[in-house]
Amino acid sequence: MNTILVSGFEAFLTHQKNPTEALVQKLDGTEMDGTLIKGIVLPVSFARAAELLIEHATAIRPNAIVMLGLGAGRKQVTPERIAINVMDGPPDNEGAVMTDQPIKQDGPAAYFSTLPIRKIVNELNRHGCPATISNTAGTYVCNDLMYRVLDHLQTATVPAGFIHVPYTDDMVGVEEVSLPGDTVEKGIGQALRVVASTL
């Protein structure tokens, strides 16, 4: 049986919760179209997030890796096209502050997602979940994770990439954009089915 490893993140900065944490916990151990889904919740840590995911992937040897994170302020589910070799942003959950730092000294400027992101977006929109390709994963821990995992997998045939999800309705104030939690859940489920169909 094929396995997809799905990662999410804990809450961070001013966010009281992270929808990807509960989503990954719910997905862990489920079966989808004959594919086993394994989930892991990662710390929002430049030092440890990618290390833990790579360790987990080495142990279970998945056929694909789908990383999830909160894209606050976004209105759609957004598969990321690219991760860039930069760390920059507010403190992570361990207090580390990165400013204009390369993720990998002398590493490539960027890595492209190896997930079928166009097909994912088309399928999500077809099933009623707003989605679009994003051309920036930012420069915080989400981008760092995507870059490091793709760097680790560059000689492997394991497709991998990152998908940002918006706030869910239960997280937001009056002026913030969000999607219903069940819409996000169904959308990520559909994205995983698309990935599973390519394995």
N, C-alpha and C. Protein backbone atom coordinates (compact mmCIF):
# COMPACT_ATOMS: atom_id res chain seq x y z
N MET A 1 0.84 -1.20 0.00
CA MET A 1 0.00 0.00 0.00
C MET A 1 0.87 1.25 0.00
N ASN A 2 0.53 2.21 -0.86
CA ASN A 2 1.25 3.47 -0.87
C ASN A 2 0.94 4.28 0.39
N THR A 3 1.88 5.12 0.77
CA THR A 3 1.73 5.97 1.95
C THR A 3 2.02 7.42 1.60
N ILE A 4 1.17 8.33 2.05
CA ILE A 4 1.45 9.77 1.95
C ILE A 4 1.67 10.29 3.36
N LEU A 5 2.79 10.94 3.55
CA LEU A 5 3.10 11.59 4.82
C LEU A 5 2.63 13.03 4.76
N VAL A 6 1.78 13.41 5.70
CA VAL A 6 1.21 14.76 5.74
C VAL A 6 1.66 15.43 7.04
N SER A 7 2.21 16.63 6.91
CA SER A 7 2.63 17.37 8.10
C SER A 7 1.80 18.63 8.28
N GLY A 8 1.63 19.01 9.54
CA GLY A 8 1.00 20.27 9.91
C GLY A 8 1.85 20.94 10.96
N PHE A 9 1.42 22.10 11.41
CA PHE A 9 2.17 22.86 12.40
C PHE A 9 1.32 23.15 13.63
N GLU A 10 2.00 23.36 14.74
CA GLU A 10 1.38 23.84 15.97
C GLU A 10 1.03 25.32 15.81
N ALA A 11 0.34 25.87 16.79
CA ALA A 11 0.03 27.30 16.79
C ALA A 11 1.31 28.12 16.90
N PHE A 12 1.27 29.38 16.42
CA PHE A 12 2.47 30.20 16.42
C PHE A 12 2.10 31.68 16.43
N LEU A 13 3.08 32.49 16.83
CA LEU A 13 2.90 33.94 16.90
C LEU A 13 1.62 34.27 17.69
N THR A 14 0.73 35.08 17.12
CA THR A 14 -0.48 35.47 17.85
C THR A 14 -1.66 34.55 17.59
N HIS A 15 -1.45 33.51 16.78
CA HIS A 15 -2.54 32.60 16.44
C HIS A 15 -2.79 31.63 17.59
N GLN A 16 -4.02 31.59 18.05
CA GLN A 16 -4.35 30.73 19.19
C GLN A 16 -4.35 29.25 18.82
N LYS A 17 -4.57 28.98 17.55
CA LYS A 17 -4.49 27.60 17.08
C LYS A 17 -4.12 27.59 15.61
N ASN A 18 -3.81 26.40 15.13
CA ASN A 18 -3.41 26.24 13.73
C ASN A 18 -4.30 25.14 13.15
N PRO A 19 -5.10 25.46 12.13
CA PRO A 19 -6.03 24.45 11.62
C PRO A 19 -5.33 23.21 11.08
N THR A 20 -4.07 23.34 10.67
CA THR A 20 -3.38 22.17 10.12
C THR A 20 -3.03 21.16 11.20
N GLU A 21 -2.93 21.59 12.45
CA GLU A 21 -2.62 20.66 13.53
C GLU A 21 -3.76 19.64 13.70
N ALA A 22 -4.98 20.14 13.86
CA ALA A 22 -6.13 19.26 14.03
C ALA A 22 -6.38 18.43 12.78
N LEU A 23 -6.16 19.02 11.62
CA LEU A 23 -6.40 18.32 10.36
C LEU A 23 -5.47 17.12 10.22
N VAL A 24 -4.20 17.33 10.51
CA VAL A 24 -3.22 16.24 10.40
C VAL A 24 -3.49 15.15 11.44
N GLN A 25 -3.87 15.56 12.63
CA GLN A 25 -4.20 14.58 13.67
C GLN A 25 -5.40 13.73 13.25
N LYS A 26 -6.36 14.34 12.58
CA LYS A 26 -7.54 13.61 12.13
C LYS A 26 -7.21 12.67 10.97
N LEU A 27 -6.29 13.09 10.11
CA LEU A 27 -5.93 12.29 8.94
C LEU A 27 -5.03 11.11 9.29
N ASP A 28 -4.26 11.23 10.36
CA ASP A 28 -3.26 10.22 10.69
C ASP A 28 -3.88 8.84 10.86
N GLY A 29 -3.37 7.90 10.10
CA GLY A 29 -3.83 6.51 10.20
C GLY A 29 -5.04 6.17 9.35
N THR A 30 -5.58 7.15 8.62
CA THR A 30 -6.73 6.88 7.76
C THR A 30 -6.27 6.33 6.43
N GLU A 31 -7.23 5.74 5.71
CA GLU A 31 -6.95 5.21 4.38
C GLU A 31 -7.80 5.96 3.38
N MET A 32 -7.20 6.32 2.26
CA MET A 32 -7.90 7.11 1.25
C MET A 32 -7.60 6.52 -0.13
N ASP A 33 -8.63 5.97 -0.75
CA ASP A 33 -8.46 5.37 -2.07
C ASP A 33 -7.31 4.37 -2.11
N GLY A 34 -7.22 3.56 -1.06
CA GLY A 34 -6.17 2.55 -1.02
C GLY A 34 -4.79 3.07 -0.64
N THR A 35 -4.73 4.31 -0.19
CA THR A 35 -3.46 4.92 0.22
C THR A 35 -3.52 5.24 1.72
N LEU A 36 -2.50 4.87 2.44
CA LEU A 36 -2.43 5.14 3.87
C LEU A 36 -1.92 6.56 4.10
N ILE A 37 -2.60 7.30 4.96
CA ILE A 37 -2.18 8.65 5.31
C ILE A 37 -1.54 8.62 6.70
N LYS A 38 -0.33 9.09 6.79
CA LYS A 38 0.37 9.23 8.07
C LYS A 38 0.57 10.71 8.34
N GLY A 39 0.29 11.13 9.58
CA GLY A 39 0.38 12.54 9.92
C GLY A 39 1.40 12.83 11.00
N ILE A 40 1.98 14.01 10.94
CA ILE A 40 2.90 14.46 11.98
C ILE A 40 2.71 15.96 12.17
N VAL A 41 2.62 16.39 13.42
CA VAL A 41 2.53 17.81 13.75
C VAL A 41 3.93 18.29 14.12
N LEU A 42 4.36 19.36 13.49
CA LEU A 42 5.73 19.86 13.65
C LEU A 42 5.78 21.11 14.51
N PRO A 43 6.89 21.34 15.18
CA PRO A 43 7.08 22.60 15.89
C PRO A 43 7.37 23.72 14.91
N VAL A 44 6.94 24.93 15.25
CA VAL A 44 7.27 26.08 14.41
C VAL A 44 8.68 26.52 14.79
N SER A 45 9.64 25.82 14.20
CA SER A 45 11.04 25.96 14.58
C SER A 45 11.93 25.84 13.35
N PHE A 46 12.72 26.87 13.10
CA PHE A 46 13.69 26.79 12.00
C PHE A 46 14.64 25.62 12.21
N ALA A 47 15.02 25.38 13.45
CA ALA A 47 16.04 24.38 13.75
C ALA A 47 15.50 22.95 13.67
N ARG A 48 14.21 22.76 14.00
CA ARG A 48 13.75 21.39 14.21
C ARG A 48 12.67 20.88 13.27
N ALA A 49 11.91 21.77 12.63
CA ALA A 49 10.75 21.30 11.84
C ALA A 49 11.18 20.35 10.72
N ALA A 50 12.08 20.80 9.87
CA ALA A 50 12.49 19.96 8.74
C ALA A 50 13.22 18.72 9.22
N GLU A 51 14.04 18.88 10.24
CA GLU A 51 14.79 17.74 10.78
C GLU A 51 13.84 16.63 11.22
N LEU A 52 12.77 17.00 11.94
CA LEU A 52 11.82 16.02 12.42
C LEU A 52 11.05 15.37 11.28
N LEU A 53 10.65 16.16 10.29
CA LEU A 53 9.90 15.60 9.17
C LEU A 53 10.78 14.64 8.36
N ILE A 54 12.01 15.03 8.13
CA ILE A 54 12.93 14.16 7.38
C ILE A 54 13.21 12.87 8.15
N GLU A 55 13.36 12.97 9.46
CA GLU A 55 13.55 11.77 10.29
C GLU A 55 12.34 10.85 10.17
N HIS A 56 11.16 11.43 10.23
CA HIS A 56 9.92 10.64 10.15
C HIS A 56 9.81 10.00 8.77
N ALA A 57 10.12 10.76 7.73
CA ALA A 57 10.06 10.23 6.37
C ALA A 57 11.06 9.10 6.17
N THR A 58 12.24 9.24 6.74
CA THR A 58 13.25 8.19 6.63
C THR A 58 12.78 6.90 7.29
N ALA A 59 12.03 7.06 8.38
CA ALA A 59 11.55 5.88 9.12
C ALA A 59 10.41 5.18 8.39
N ILE A 60 9.48 5.93 7.82
CA ILE A 60 8.30 5.28 7.23
C ILE A 60 8.35 5.16 5.71
N ARG A 61 9.29 5.85 5.08
CA ARG A 61 9.51 5.76 3.63
C ARG A 61 8.22 5.98 2.84
N PRO A 62 7.63 7.17 2.93
CA PRO A 62 6.39 7.44 2.21
C PRO A 62 6.61 7.55 0.71
N ASN A 63 5.52 7.42 -0.03
CA ASN A 63 5.57 7.58 -1.48
C ASN A 63 5.39 9.02 -1.92
N ALA A 64 4.92 9.87 -1.00
CA ALA A 64 4.77 11.31 -1.27
C ALA A 64 4.72 12.03 0.07
N ILE A 65 5.08 13.31 0.06
CA ILE A 65 5.03 14.14 1.26
C ILE A 65 4.26 15.41 0.94
N VAL A 66 3.23 15.66 1.74
CA VAL A 66 2.43 16.88 1.59
C VAL A 66 2.52 17.66 2.90
N MET A 67 3.11 18.85 2.82
CA MET A 67 3.29 19.70 4.00
C MET A 67 2.19 20.75 4.01
N LEU A 68 1.59 20.97 5.17
CA LEU A 68 0.51 21.94 5.32
C LEU A 68 0.90 23.02 6.32
N GLY A 69 0.38 24.22 6.10
CA GLY A 69 0.62 25.32 7.02
C GLY A 69 -0.47 26.36 6.91
N LEU A 70 -0.56 27.21 7.91
CA LEU A 70 -1.56 28.29 7.94
C LEU A 70 -1.08 29.48 7.11
N GLY A 71 -1.90 29.87 6.15
CA GLY A 71 -1.65 31.08 5.38
C GLY A 71 -2.62 32.15 5.83
N ALA A 72 -2.33 32.81 6.94
CA ALA A 72 -3.24 33.82 7.49
C ALA A 72 -3.48 34.93 6.48
N GLY A 73 -4.72 35.32 6.31
CA GLY A 73 -5.07 36.38 5.39
C GLY A 73 -5.38 35.91 3.98
N ARG A 74 -5.11 34.65 3.70
CA ARG A 74 -5.43 34.13 2.37
C ARG A 74 -6.88 33.67 2.33
N LYS A 75 -7.48 33.77 1.16
CA LYS A 75 -8.89 33.44 0.99
C LYS A 75 -9.10 32.06 0.39
N GLN A 76 -8.01 31.42 -0.04
CA GLN A 76 -8.12 30.15 -0.75
C GLN A 76 -7.08 29.17 -0.22
N VAL A 77 -7.28 27.90 -0.53
CA VAL A 77 -6.24 26.90 -0.32
C VAL A 77 -5.20 27.11 -1.42
N THR A 78 -3.94 27.22 -1.04
CA THR A 78 -2.92 27.64 -2.00
C THR A 78 -1.71 26.71 -2.01
N PRO A 79 -1.68 25.74 -2.93
CA PRO A 79 -0.46 24.97 -3.13
C PRO A 79 0.68 25.91 -3.57
N GLU A 80 1.83 25.73 -2.97
CA GLU A 80 2.97 26.58 -3.27
C GLU A 80 3.75 26.05 -4.47
N ARG A 81 4.14 26.97 -5.35
CA ARG A 81 4.93 26.59 -6.51
C ARG A 81 6.41 26.45 -6.18
N ILE A 82 6.89 27.30 -5.23
CA ILE A 82 8.34 27.44 -5.08
C ILE A 82 8.72 27.75 -3.63
N ALA A 83 9.87 27.26 -3.23
CA ALA A 83 10.47 27.61 -1.94
C ALA A 83 11.82 28.25 -2.21
N ILE A 84 12.11 29.37 -1.54
CA ILE A 84 13.35 30.10 -1.80
C ILE A 84 14.34 29.95 -0.65
N ASN A 85 15.61 30.15 -0.98
CA ASN A 85 16.70 29.90 -0.03
C ASN A 85 16.94 31.10 0.88
N VAL A 86 15.89 31.46 1.65
CA VAL A 86 15.97 32.61 2.55
C VAL A 86 15.18 32.31 3.83
N MET A 87 15.75 32.68 4.96
CA MET A 87 15.03 32.68 6.25
C MET A 87 14.96 34.12 6.72
N ASP A 88 13.75 34.60 6.98
CA ASP A 88 13.58 35.98 7.41
C ASP A 88 12.19 36.11 8.03
N GLY A 89 12.09 36.73 9.18
CA GLY A 89 10.77 36.91 9.75
C GLY A 89 10.79 37.07 11.25
N PRO A 90 9.61 37.02 11.86
CA PRO A 90 9.49 37.17 13.31
C PRO A 90 10.06 35.95 14.02
N PRO A 91 10.16 36.01 15.34
CA PRO A 91 10.69 34.87 16.08
C PRO A 91 9.85 33.61 15.86
N ASP A 92 10.53 32.46 15.77
CA ASP A 92 9.80 31.21 15.74
C ASP A 92 9.39 30.84 17.18
N ASN A 93 8.82 29.69 17.36
CA ASN A 93 8.30 29.33 18.69
C ASN A 93 9.40 29.03 19.70
N GLU A 94 10.64 28.99 19.24
CA GLU A 94 11.77 28.80 20.15
C GLU A 94 12.55 30.10 20.36
N GLY A 95 12.00 31.19 19.79
CA GLY A 95 12.63 32.49 19.97
C GLY A 95 13.71 32.83 18.96
N ALA A 96 13.94 31.94 18.01
CA ALA A 96 14.98 32.20 17.00
C ALA A 96 14.48 33.24 16.00
N VAL A 97 15.30 34.23 15.74
CA VAL A 97 14.97 35.26 14.76
C VAL A 97 15.97 35.16 13.60
N MET A 98 15.45 34.98 12.41
CA MET A 98 16.30 34.91 11.21
C MET A 98 16.05 36.14 10.36
N THR A 99 17.14 36.77 9.94
CA THR A 99 17.05 37.97 9.10
C THR A 99 17.99 37.81 7.92
N ASP A 100 17.42 37.71 6.73
CA ASP A 100 18.21 37.64 5.49
C ASP A 100 19.24 36.50 5.50
N GLN A 101 18.88 35.38 6.12
CA GLN A 101 19.81 34.26 6.22
C GLN A 101 19.52 33.21 5.15
N PRO A 102 20.53 32.64 4.52
CA PRO A 102 20.28 31.52 3.61
C PRO A 102 19.89 30.27 4.40
N ILE A 103 19.01 29.49 3.84
CA ILE A 103 18.68 28.21 4.45
C ILE A 103 19.86 27.26 4.31
N LYS A 104 20.43 27.24 3.12
CA LYS A 104 21.58 26.38 2.83
C LYS A 104 22.65 27.20 2.13
N GLN A 105 23.75 27.39 2.81
CA GLN A 105 24.86 28.16 2.23
C GLN A 105 25.27 27.52 0.91
N ASP A 106 25.33 28.32 -0.13
CA ASP A 106 25.68 27.86 -1.48
C ASP A 106 24.66 26.87 -2.06
N GLY A 107 23.47 26.81 -1.45
CA GLY A 107 22.42 25.97 -2.01
C GLY A 107 21.73 26.65 -3.17
N PRO A 108 20.90 25.92 -3.91
CA PRO A 108 20.15 26.53 -5.02
C PRO A 108 19.29 27.69 -4.52
N ALA A 109 19.03 28.64 -5.39
CA ALA A 109 18.21 29.79 -5.02
C ALA A 109 16.80 29.36 -4.65
N ALA A 110 16.33 28.27 -5.26
CA ALA A 110 14.94 27.86 -5.02
C ALA A 110 14.74 26.41 -5.44
N TYR A 111 13.68 25.83 -4.94
CA TYR A 111 13.20 24.52 -5.38
C TYR A 111 11.73 24.64 -5.74
N PHE A 112 11.34 23.97 -6.81
CA PHE A 112 9.94 23.92 -7.21
C PHE A 112 9.25 22.71 -6.60
N SER A 113 7.98 22.89 -6.24
CA SER A 113 7.17 21.77 -5.78
C SER A 113 7.17 20.66 -6.81
N THR A 114 7.18 19.42 -6.35
CA THR A 114 7.08 18.29 -7.27
C THR A 114 5.70 17.61 -7.16
N LEU A 115 4.76 18.28 -6.48
CA LEU A 115 3.38 17.82 -6.47
C LEU A 115 2.66 18.32 -7.73
N PRO A 116 1.59 17.65 -8.13
CA PRO A 116 0.81 18.09 -9.30
C PRO A 116 -0.09 19.27 -8.93
N ILE A 117 0.53 20.44 -8.71
CA ILE A 117 -0.22 21.54 -8.10
C ILE A 117 -1.33 22.09 -9.00
N ARG A 118 -1.14 22.10 -10.31
CA ARG A 118 -2.20 22.58 -11.18
C ARG A 118 -3.40 21.66 -11.13
N LYS A 119 -3.15 20.38 -11.13
CA LYS A 119 -4.25 19.42 -11.05
C LYS A 119 -4.96 19.52 -9.70
N ILE A 120 -4.19 19.73 -8.64
CA ILE A 120 -4.79 19.90 -7.31
C ILE A 120 -5.73 21.11 -7.30
N VAL A 121 -5.26 22.23 -7.79
CA VAL A 121 -6.09 23.45 -7.81
C VAL A 121 -7.35 23.24 -8.64
N ASN A 122 -7.20 22.63 -9.81
CA ASN A 122 -8.37 22.40 -10.66
C ASN A 122 -9.40 21.51 -9.97
N GLU A 123 -8.93 20.46 -9.31
CA GLU A 123 -9.84 19.53 -8.64
C GLU A 123 -10.52 20.18 -7.44
N LEU A 124 -9.77 20.95 -6.66
CA LEU A 124 -10.37 21.63 -5.52
C LEU A 124 -11.46 22.59 -5.96
N ASN A 125 -11.17 23.39 -6.97
CA ASN A 125 -12.17 24.33 -7.47
C ASN A 125 -13.40 23.58 -8.01
N ARG A 126 -13.16 22.47 -8.67
CA ARG A 126 -14.27 21.68 -9.23
C ARG A 126 -15.16 21.11 -8.13
N HIS A 127 -14.57 20.85 -6.97
CA HIS A 127 -15.32 20.28 -5.86
C HIS A 127 -15.77 21.34 -4.84
N GLY A 128 -15.68 22.62 -5.21
CA GLY A 128 -16.24 23.68 -4.38
C GLY A 128 -15.34 24.23 -3.30
N CYS A 129 -14.06 23.92 -3.37
CA CYS A 129 -13.11 24.50 -2.42
C CYS A 129 -12.25 25.52 -3.15
N PRO A 130 -12.35 26.81 -2.82
CA PRO A 130 -11.57 27.82 -3.52
C PRO A 130 -10.07 27.55 -3.41
N ALA A 131 -9.38 27.55 -4.55
CA ALA A 131 -7.95 27.23 -4.55
C ALA A 131 -7.26 27.94 -5.69
N THR A 132 -6.00 28.28 -5.47
CA THR A 132 -5.18 28.86 -6.53
C THR A 132 -3.72 28.56 -6.21
N ILE A 133 -2.88 28.56 -7.23
CA ILE A 133 -1.44 28.37 -7.02
C ILE A 133 -0.85 29.64 -6.42
N SER A 134 -0.03 29.47 -5.40
CA SER A 134 0.71 30.59 -4.82
C SER A 134 2.15 30.55 -5.29
N ASN A 135 2.69 31.71 -5.61
CA ASN A 135 4.07 31.81 -6.05
C ASN A 135 5.01 32.31 -4.97
N THR A 136 4.53 32.36 -3.73
CA THR A 136 5.42 32.68 -2.62
C THR A 136 4.99 31.95 -1.36
N ALA A 137 5.90 31.16 -0.83
CA ALA A 137 5.66 30.49 0.44
C ALA A 137 6.19 31.33 1.60
N GLY A 138 6.54 32.59 1.31
CA GLY A 138 7.07 33.48 2.34
C GLY A 138 8.53 33.19 2.62
N THR A 139 9.00 33.63 3.78
CA THR A 139 10.39 33.39 4.18
C THR A 139 10.46 32.90 5.63
N TYR A 140 9.33 32.42 6.12
CA TYR A 140 9.25 31.95 7.52
C TYR A 140 9.43 30.43 7.55
N VAL A 141 8.95 29.77 8.57
CA VAL A 141 9.23 28.35 8.78
C VAL A 141 8.58 27.47 7.71
N CYS A 142 7.44 27.87 7.17
CA CYS A 142 6.79 27.08 6.12
C CYS A 142 7.70 26.97 4.89
N ASN A 143 8.21 28.09 4.44
CA ASN A 143 9.13 28.09 3.31
C ASN A 143 10.40 27.31 3.63
N ASP A 144 10.91 27.50 4.84
CA ASP A 144 12.12 26.79 5.28
C ASP A 144 11.91 25.28 5.22
N LEU A 145 10.77 24.82 5.71
CA LEU A 145 10.45 23.40 5.70
C LEU A 145 10.39 22.87 4.27
N MET A 146 9.66 23.56 3.41
CA MET A 146 9.51 23.12 2.03
C MET A 146 10.87 23.05 1.35
N TYR A 147 11.70 24.08 1.54
CA TYR A 147 13.02 24.11 0.89
C TYR A 147 13.88 22.94 1.37
N ARG A 148 13.95 22.76 2.68
CA ARG A 148 14.84 21.73 3.22
C ARG A 148 14.39 20.32 2.82
N VAL A 149 13.08 20.08 2.82
CA VAL A 149 12.59 18.76 2.43
C VAL A 149 12.86 18.49 0.95
N LEU A 150 12.60 19.47 0.10
CA LEU A 150 12.87 19.29 -1.33
C LEU A 150 14.37 19.13 -1.59
N ASP A 151 15.18 19.84 -0.83
CA ASP A 151 16.63 19.68 -0.95
C ASP A 151 17.04 18.25 -0.57
N HIS A 152 16.46 17.75 0.49
CA HIS A 152 16.76 16.39 0.94
C HIS A 152 16.32 15.35 -0.09
N LEU A 153 15.22 15.61 -0.79
CA LEU A 153 14.63 14.64 -1.71
C LEU A 153 15.11 14.79 -3.15
N GLN A 154 16.06 15.68 -3.40
CA GLN A 154 16.37 16.01 -4.80
C GLN A 154 16.86 14.82 -5.61
N THR A 155 17.42 13.81 -4.97
CA THR A 155 17.86 12.62 -5.71
C THR A 155 16.85 11.47 -5.58
N ALA A 156 15.73 11.73 -4.94
CA ALA A 156 14.71 10.70 -4.75
C ALA A 156 13.56 10.92 -5.73
N THR A 157 12.70 9.93 -5.82
CA THR A 157 11.53 10.03 -6.71
C THR A 157 10.26 10.16 -5.89
N VAL A 158 10.37 10.89 -4.78
CA VAL A 158 9.22 11.10 -3.88
C VAL A 158 8.67 12.49 -4.11
N PRO A 159 7.49 12.63 -4.70
CA PRO A 159 6.92 13.96 -4.88
C PRO A 159 6.63 14.62 -3.54
N ALA A 160 6.88 15.91 -3.47
CA ALA A 160 6.68 16.64 -2.22
C ALA A 160 6.37 18.10 -2.51
N GLY A 161 5.64 18.71 -1.60
CA GLY A 161 5.34 20.13 -1.74
C GLY A 161 4.53 20.63 -0.56
N PHE A 162 4.23 21.91 -0.60
CA PHE A 162 3.60 22.59 0.52
C PHE A 162 2.27 23.19 0.08
N ILE A 163 1.28 23.11 0.98
CA ILE A 163 -0.02 23.73 0.73
C ILE A 163 -0.39 24.60 1.93
N HIS A 164 -0.63 25.88 1.68
CA HIS A 164 -1.12 26.77 2.72
C HIS A 164 -2.65 26.74 2.74
N VAL A 165 -3.21 26.75 3.95
CA VAL A 165 -4.66 26.83 4.10
C VAL A 165 -5.01 28.11 4.85
N PRO A 166 -6.18 28.70 4.57
CA PRO A 166 -6.58 29.92 5.25
C PRO A 166 -7.05 29.66 6.68
N TYR A 167 -7.33 30.76 7.38
CA TYR A 167 -8.05 30.63 8.63
C TYR A 167 -9.33 29.84 8.41
N THR A 168 -9.72 29.07 9.41
CA THR A 168 -11.06 28.49 9.40
C THR A 168 -11.99 29.42 10.18
N ASP A 169 -13.28 29.30 9.91
CA ASP A 169 -14.26 30.27 10.44
C ASP A 169 -14.21 30.42 11.96
N ASP A 170 -13.85 29.34 12.65
CA ASP A 170 -13.85 29.39 14.12
C ASP A 170 -12.65 30.14 14.69
N MET A 171 -11.74 30.61 13.82
CA MET A 171 -10.52 31.25 14.28
C MET A 171 -10.54 32.77 14.18
N VAL A 172 -11.49 33.33 13.48
CA VAL A 172 -11.32 34.69 13.00
C VAL A 172 -12.18 35.72 13.73
N GLY A 173 -11.75 36.98 13.60
CA GLY A 173 -12.54 38.11 14.03
C GLY A 173 -13.37 38.63 12.88
N VAL A 174 -14.02 39.73 13.10
CA VAL A 174 -14.99 40.25 12.13
C VAL A 174 -14.34 40.60 10.80
N GLU A 175 -13.13 41.13 10.82
CA GLU A 175 -12.55 41.66 9.59
C GLU A 175 -11.63 40.68 8.87
N GLU A 176 -11.48 39.48 9.40
CA GLU A 176 -10.53 38.55 8.82
C GLU A 176 -11.22 37.59 7.86
N VAL A 177 -10.48 37.18 6.82
CA VAL A 177 -11.04 36.27 5.82
C VAL A 177 -10.79 34.84 6.27
N SER A 178 -11.71 33.96 5.87
CA SER A 178 -11.60 32.57 6.29
C SER A 178 -12.44 31.69 5.37
N LEU A 179 -12.30 30.39 5.58
CA LEU A 179 -13.15 29.41 4.93
C LEU A 179 -13.74 28.50 6.01
N PRO A 180 -14.90 27.91 5.75
CA PRO A 180 -15.45 26.94 6.71
C PRO A 180 -14.46 25.79 6.92
N GLY A 181 -14.37 25.33 8.15
CA GLY A 181 -13.44 24.26 8.45
C GLY A 181 -13.68 23.01 7.63
N ASP A 182 -14.96 22.66 7.39
CA ASP A 182 -15.23 21.44 6.62
C ASP A 182 -14.84 21.61 5.16
N THR A 183 -14.88 22.85 4.65
CA THR A 183 -14.44 23.10 3.27
C THR A 183 -12.93 22.87 3.15
N VAL A 184 -12.19 23.37 4.13
CA VAL A 184 -10.74 23.16 4.12
C VAL A 184 -10.43 21.68 4.24
N GLU A 185 -11.11 21.00 5.14
CA GLU A 185 -10.87 19.57 5.35
C GLU A 185 -11.15 18.77 4.07
N LYS A 186 -12.27 19.05 3.44
CA LYS A 186 -12.61 18.35 2.20
C LYS A 186 -11.63 18.69 1.09
N GLY A 187 -11.18 19.95 1.06
CA GLY A 187 -10.23 20.37 0.04
C GLY A 187 -8.90 19.65 0.17
N ILE A 188 -8.40 19.55 1.40
CA ILE A 188 -7.13 18.83 1.60
C ILE A 188 -7.31 17.35 1.30
N GLY A 189 -8.46 16.80 1.66
CA GLY A 189 -8.73 15.41 1.30
C GLY A 189 -8.70 15.21 -0.20
N GLN A 190 -9.28 16.15 -0.94
CA GLN A 190 -9.26 16.05 -2.39
C GLN A 190 -7.84 16.19 -2.94
N ALA A 191 -7.07 17.09 -2.35
CA ALA A 191 -5.67 17.24 -2.77
C ALA A 191 -4.90 15.95 -2.58
N LEU A 192 -5.13 15.28 -1.46
CA LEU A 192 -4.44 14.01 -1.19
C LEU A 192 -4.88 12.93 -2.17
N ARG A 193 -6.15 12.95 -2.56
CA ARG A 193 -6.61 11.99 -3.56
C ARG A 193 -5.93 12.22 -4.90
N VAL A 194 -5.73 13.48 -5.26
CA VAL A 194 -5.03 13.79 -6.50
C VAL A 194 -3.59 13.26 -6.44
N VAL A 195 -2.93 13.50 -5.31
CA VAL A 195 -1.56 13.01 -5.16
C VAL A 195 -1.54 11.48 -5.21
N ALA A 196 -2.47 10.86 -4.50
CA ALA A 196 -2.53 9.39 -4.48
C ALA A 196 -2.73 8.81 -5.88
N SER A 197 -3.50 9.51 -6.69
CA SER A 197 -3.79 9.00 -8.05
C SER A 197 -2.57 9.04 -8.96
N THR A 198 -1.53 9.78 -8.56
CA THR A 198 -0.34 9.88 -9.40
C THR A 198 0.77 8.92 -8.96
N LEU A 199 0.55 8.22 -7.86
CA LEU A 199 1.61 7.35 -7.33
C LEU A 199 1.61 5.98 -8.02
